[in-house]
Structure formats: C-alpha cells, structure tokens
Amino acid sequence: MKAVTLRNLPPELARVIRRQSAERKTSINKTVISLLEGATNTQRKKQVSLYHDLDALAGTWTEQEAAEFEEALAQQRGIDPDLWK
C-alpha cells in the first residue's frame, strides 16, 4: 500500500505511539500498523513464537511440589566419588 500521512495528530496520541514504539523496540511505523491491526481486528500472519510450550505450567506448582522437585534435583546433582576414580 502507499504511504499514509497523518496530519494534526493529537500530542497525547503522538506521545503514546512514541512510548509504545520505544517499549516494543520497534519503529513508529510498525507500532502504528500494529495498533491499527489491533483496532480493526485484522492481524498479519504472525511468526511462530519460540519457547512457549510450557507457559501453561508456569506457576502451577504448590510450595510442597516445588520443594519436592528441588529435593529430587539436589539428589541428582550429587557427585558419586566412585565414578571419578
């Protein structure tokens, strides 16, 4: 598509766009496109995110389960002197 020029952008809106651009570490152009896509519910084909396969499990253990896991890890981390002879 051709370039679009926005005139008379309200100062507060311009500040929000600049701030979001800085937070996302993307260009103002990409930020504006993303905001427009969100507002119009039209999303480009998104890239596959890496390393999100265990997100649903994060924070689901009880304190007891976490302690048991740490104990099991501590046992596995032990060094067997007989193996180092």
N, C-alpha and C. Protein backbone atom coordinates (compact mmCIF):
# COMPACT_ATOMS: atom_id res chain seq x y z
N MET A 1 0.84 -1.17 0.00
CA MET A 1 0.00 0.00 0.00
C MET A 1 0.88 1.24 0.00
N LYS A 2 0.32 2.30 -0.49
CA LYS A 2 1.03 3.57 -0.48
C LYS A 2 1.23 4.05 0.94
N ALA A 3 2.12 5.00 1.09
CA ALA A 3 2.35 5.61 2.39
C ALA A 3 1.15 6.46 2.76
N VAL A 4 0.89 6.55 4.04
CA VAL A 4 -0.20 7.37 4.56
C VAL A 4 0.41 8.45 5.44
N THR A 5 -0.03 9.67 5.26
CA THR A 5 0.44 10.78 6.09
C THR A 5 -0.67 11.16 7.05
N LEU A 6 -0.35 11.23 8.30
CA LEU A 6 -1.33 11.65 9.31
C LEU A 6 -1.04 13.09 9.67
N ARG A 7 -2.05 13.92 9.56
CA ARG A 7 -1.88 15.33 9.90
C ARG A 7 -2.65 15.64 11.17
N ASN A 8 -2.16 16.63 11.89
CA ASN A 8 -2.82 17.11 13.11
C ASN A 8 -3.02 16.00 14.13
N LEU A 9 -2.03 15.16 14.27
CA LEU A 9 -2.07 14.09 15.26
C LEU A 9 -2.08 14.73 16.66
N PRO A 10 -3.05 14.39 17.48
CA PRO A 10 -3.09 14.98 18.82
C PRO A 10 -1.79 14.67 19.58
N PRO A 11 -1.26 15.65 20.32
CA PRO A 11 0.02 15.47 21.01
C PRO A 11 0.02 14.27 21.96
N GLU A 12 -1.06 14.04 22.67
CA GLU A 12 -1.11 12.90 23.60
C GLU A 12 -1.02 11.58 22.84
N LEU A 13 -1.71 11.49 21.71
CA LEU A 13 -1.65 10.28 20.89
C LEU A 13 -0.24 10.07 20.35
N ALA A 14 0.40 11.12 19.93
CA ALA A 14 1.78 11.02 19.44
C ALA A 14 2.71 10.54 20.54
N ARG A 15 2.50 11.04 21.76
CA ARG A 15 3.34 10.58 22.90
C ARG A 15 3.12 9.10 23.17
N VAL A 16 1.87 8.66 23.14
CA VAL A 16 1.56 7.24 23.38
C VAL A 16 2.21 6.36 22.33
N ILE A 17 2.12 6.78 21.07
CA ILE A 17 2.71 5.99 19.99
C ILE A 17 4.23 5.93 20.14
N ARG A 18 4.86 7.06 20.45
CA ARG A 18 6.32 7.07 20.65
C ARG A 18 6.71 6.18 21.83
N ARG A 19 5.95 6.27 22.92
CA ARG A 19 6.26 5.46 24.11
C ARG A 19 6.13 3.97 23.80
N GLN A 20 5.02 3.60 23.14
CA GLN A 20 4.85 2.18 22.81
C GLN A 20 5.92 1.70 21.84
N SER A 21 6.30 2.55 20.92
CA SER A 21 7.36 2.20 19.99
C SER A 21 8.66 1.92 20.74
N ALA A 22 8.97 2.77 21.71
CA ALA A 22 10.19 2.57 22.50
C ALA A 22 10.09 1.30 23.34
N GLU A 23 8.93 1.07 23.95
CA GLU A 23 8.75 -0.13 24.78
C GLU A 23 8.88 -1.40 23.96
N ARG A 24 8.34 -1.38 22.77
CA ARG A 24 8.38 -2.56 21.89
C ARG A 24 9.71 -2.68 21.15
N LYS A 25 10.48 -1.60 21.19
CA LYS A 25 11.75 -1.54 20.47
C LYS A 25 11.53 -1.79 18.98
N THR A 26 10.50 -1.12 18.44
CA THR A 26 10.21 -1.20 17.02
C THR A 26 10.06 0.22 16.48
N SER A 27 9.98 0.33 15.19
CA SER A 27 9.82 1.64 14.58
C SER A 27 8.42 2.18 14.85
N ILE A 28 8.27 3.49 14.70
CA ILE A 28 6.95 4.10 14.86
C ILE A 28 6.01 3.54 13.80
N ASN A 29 6.50 3.33 12.60
CA ASN A 29 5.67 2.77 11.54
C ASN A 29 5.11 1.41 11.94
N LYS A 30 5.96 0.51 12.42
CA LYS A 30 5.49 -0.82 12.82
C LYS A 30 4.53 -0.73 13.99
N THR A 31 4.78 0.19 14.90
CA THR A 31 3.89 0.36 16.05
C THR A 31 2.52 0.83 15.60
N VAL A 32 2.47 1.80 14.71
CA VAL A 32 1.19 2.31 14.21
C VAL A 32 0.44 1.21 13.47
N ILE A 33 1.13 0.44 12.64
CA ILE A 33 0.49 -0.67 11.93
C ILE A 33 -0.08 -1.67 12.92
N SER A 34 0.68 -2.02 13.95
CA SER A 34 0.22 -2.96 14.96
C SER A 34 -1.01 -2.42 15.69
N LEU A 35 -0.99 -1.14 16.04
CA LEU A 35 -2.14 -0.54 16.72
C LEU A 35 -3.38 -0.53 15.82
N LEU A 36 -3.19 -0.23 14.55
CA LEU A 36 -4.31 -0.24 13.61
C LEU A 36 -4.87 -1.65 13.42
N GLU A 37 -3.97 -2.62 13.33
CA GLU A 37 -4.42 -4.02 13.19
C GLU A 37 -5.23 -4.43 14.41
N GLY A 38 -4.75 -4.06 15.59
CA GLY A 38 -5.48 -4.40 16.81
C GLY A 38 -6.84 -3.72 16.87
N ALA A 39 -6.90 -2.47 16.44
CA ALA A 39 -8.16 -1.72 16.48
C ALA A 39 -9.17 -2.23 15.47
N THR A 40 -8.68 -2.77 14.36
CA THR A 40 -9.58 -3.25 13.30
C THR A 40 -9.72 -4.77 13.29
N ASN A 41 -9.05 -5.41 14.25
CA ASN A 41 -9.09 -6.88 14.36
C ASN A 41 -8.64 -7.56 13.06
N THR A 42 -7.64 -7.00 12.42
CA THR A 42 -7.03 -7.59 11.23
C THR A 42 -5.56 -7.80 11.52
N GLN A 43 -5.18 -9.01 11.66
CA GLN A 43 -3.79 -9.32 12.01
C GLN A 43 -3.08 -9.93 10.81
N ARG A 44 -1.83 -9.52 10.65
CA ARG A 44 -1.00 -10.16 9.64
C ARG A 44 -0.64 -11.55 10.13
N LYS A 45 -0.15 -12.35 9.24
CA LYS A 45 0.31 -13.68 9.61
C LYS A 45 1.44 -13.53 10.62
N LYS A 46 1.24 -14.05 11.81
CA LYS A 46 2.23 -13.88 12.86
C LYS A 46 3.30 -14.95 12.76
N GLN A 47 4.49 -14.58 13.18
CA GLN A 47 5.57 -15.54 13.23
C GLN A 47 5.34 -16.47 14.41
N VAL A 48 5.80 -17.69 14.26
CA VAL A 48 5.65 -18.66 15.33
C VAL A 48 6.58 -18.26 16.48
N SER A 49 6.01 -18.17 17.66
CA SER A 49 6.81 -17.84 18.84
C SER A 49 7.56 -19.08 19.30
N LEU A 50 8.77 -18.86 19.72
CA LEU A 50 9.58 -19.97 20.21
C LEU A 50 9.51 -20.04 21.72
N TYR A 51 9.61 -21.22 22.24
CA TYR A 51 9.74 -21.48 23.66
C TYR A 51 8.52 -21.06 24.48
N HIS A 52 7.35 -21.30 23.97
CA HIS A 52 6.15 -21.02 24.74
C HIS A 52 5.36 -22.29 25.02
N ASP A 53 6.02 -23.44 24.88
CA ASP A 53 5.31 -24.69 25.03
C ASP A 53 5.00 -25.05 26.48
N LEU A 54 5.66 -24.45 27.44
CA LEU A 54 5.42 -24.78 28.85
C LEU A 54 4.80 -23.62 29.63
N ASP A 55 4.38 -22.57 28.94
CA ASP A 55 3.83 -21.39 29.62
C ASP A 55 2.64 -21.73 30.50
N ALA A 56 1.81 -22.68 30.07
CA ALA A 56 0.62 -23.02 30.84
C ALA A 56 0.97 -23.65 32.18
N LEU A 57 2.18 -24.17 32.30
CA LEU A 57 2.58 -24.83 33.54
C LEU A 57 3.22 -23.86 34.54
N ALA A 58 3.66 -22.73 34.07
CA ALA A 58 4.38 -21.79 34.94
C ALA A 58 3.49 -21.34 36.09
N GLY A 59 4.02 -21.48 37.29
CA GLY A 59 3.32 -21.01 38.48
C GLY A 59 2.20 -21.92 38.96
N THR A 60 2.15 -23.15 38.48
CA THR A 60 1.05 -24.04 38.87
C THR A 60 1.42 -24.99 40.01
N TRP A 61 2.68 -25.06 40.37
CA TRP A 61 3.08 -25.96 41.46
C TRP A 61 2.75 -25.34 42.80
N THR A 62 2.44 -26.23 43.74
CA THR A 62 2.29 -25.78 45.13
C THR A 62 3.69 -25.66 45.71
N GLU A 63 3.78 -25.05 46.87
CA GLU A 63 5.10 -24.92 47.52
C GLU A 63 5.67 -26.30 47.83
N GLN A 64 4.81 -27.24 48.21
CA GLN A 64 5.28 -28.60 48.53
C GLN A 64 5.82 -29.27 47.27
N GLU A 65 5.12 -29.14 46.14
CA GLU A 65 5.59 -29.74 44.90
C GLU A 65 6.93 -29.14 44.47
N ALA A 66 7.07 -27.85 44.63
CA ALA A 66 8.32 -27.19 44.27
C ALA A 66 9.46 -27.68 45.17
N ALA A 67 9.17 -27.86 46.46
CA ALA A 67 10.19 -28.34 47.39
C ALA A 67 10.60 -29.77 47.04
N GLU A 68 9.63 -30.61 46.69
CA GLU A 68 9.93 -31.99 46.30
C GLU A 68 10.79 -32.01 45.04
N PHE A 69 10.48 -31.16 44.11
CA PHE A 69 11.26 -31.09 42.88
C PHE A 69 12.70 -30.66 43.16
N GLU A 70 12.86 -29.64 43.98
CA GLU A 70 14.20 -29.18 44.35
C GLU A 70 14.99 -30.28 45.05
N GLU A 71 14.31 -31.03 45.90
CA GLU A 71 14.97 -32.13 46.61
C GLU A 71 15.43 -33.20 45.61
N ALA A 72 14.58 -33.53 44.65
CA ALA A 72 14.95 -34.52 43.64
C ALA A 72 16.14 -34.03 42.82
N LEU A 73 16.15 -32.76 42.49
CA LEU A 73 17.28 -32.21 41.74
C LEU A 73 18.56 -32.25 42.56
N ALA A 74 18.46 -31.97 43.84
CA ALA A 74 19.64 -31.98 44.70
C ALA A 74 20.24 -33.39 44.73
N GLN A 75 19.39 -34.41 44.76
CA GLN A 75 19.89 -35.78 44.75
C GLN A 75 20.59 -36.10 43.43
N GLN A 76 20.07 -35.60 42.33
CA GLN A 76 20.66 -35.85 41.02
C GLN A 76 21.97 -35.10 40.83
N ARG A 77 22.11 -34.00 41.51
CA ARG A 77 23.31 -33.18 41.36
C ARG A 77 24.48 -33.69 42.19
N GLY A 78 24.22 -34.66 43.02
CA GLY A 78 25.28 -35.21 43.85
C GLY A 78 26.34 -35.89 43.01
N ILE A 79 27.58 -35.82 43.45
CA ILE A 79 28.68 -36.44 42.72
C ILE A 79 29.04 -37.77 43.38
N ASP A 80 29.08 -38.80 42.59
CA ASP A 80 29.43 -40.13 43.09
C ASP A 80 30.94 -40.28 42.97
N PRO A 81 31.66 -40.30 44.11
CA PRO A 81 33.13 -40.39 44.07
C PRO A 81 33.63 -41.65 43.35
N ASP A 82 32.86 -42.75 43.43
CA ASP A 82 33.29 -43.98 42.77
C ASP A 82 33.36 -43.84 41.26
N LEU A 83 32.53 -42.96 40.70
CA LEU A 83 32.54 -42.77 39.25
C LEU A 83 33.75 -41.96 38.77
N TRP A 84 34.44 -41.28 39.70
CA TRP A 84 35.56 -40.43 39.32
C TRP A 84 36.92 -41.05 39.65
N LYS A 85 36.94 -42.32 39.89
CA LYS A 85 38.20 -42.99 40.18
C LYS A 85 38.91 -43.36 38.92
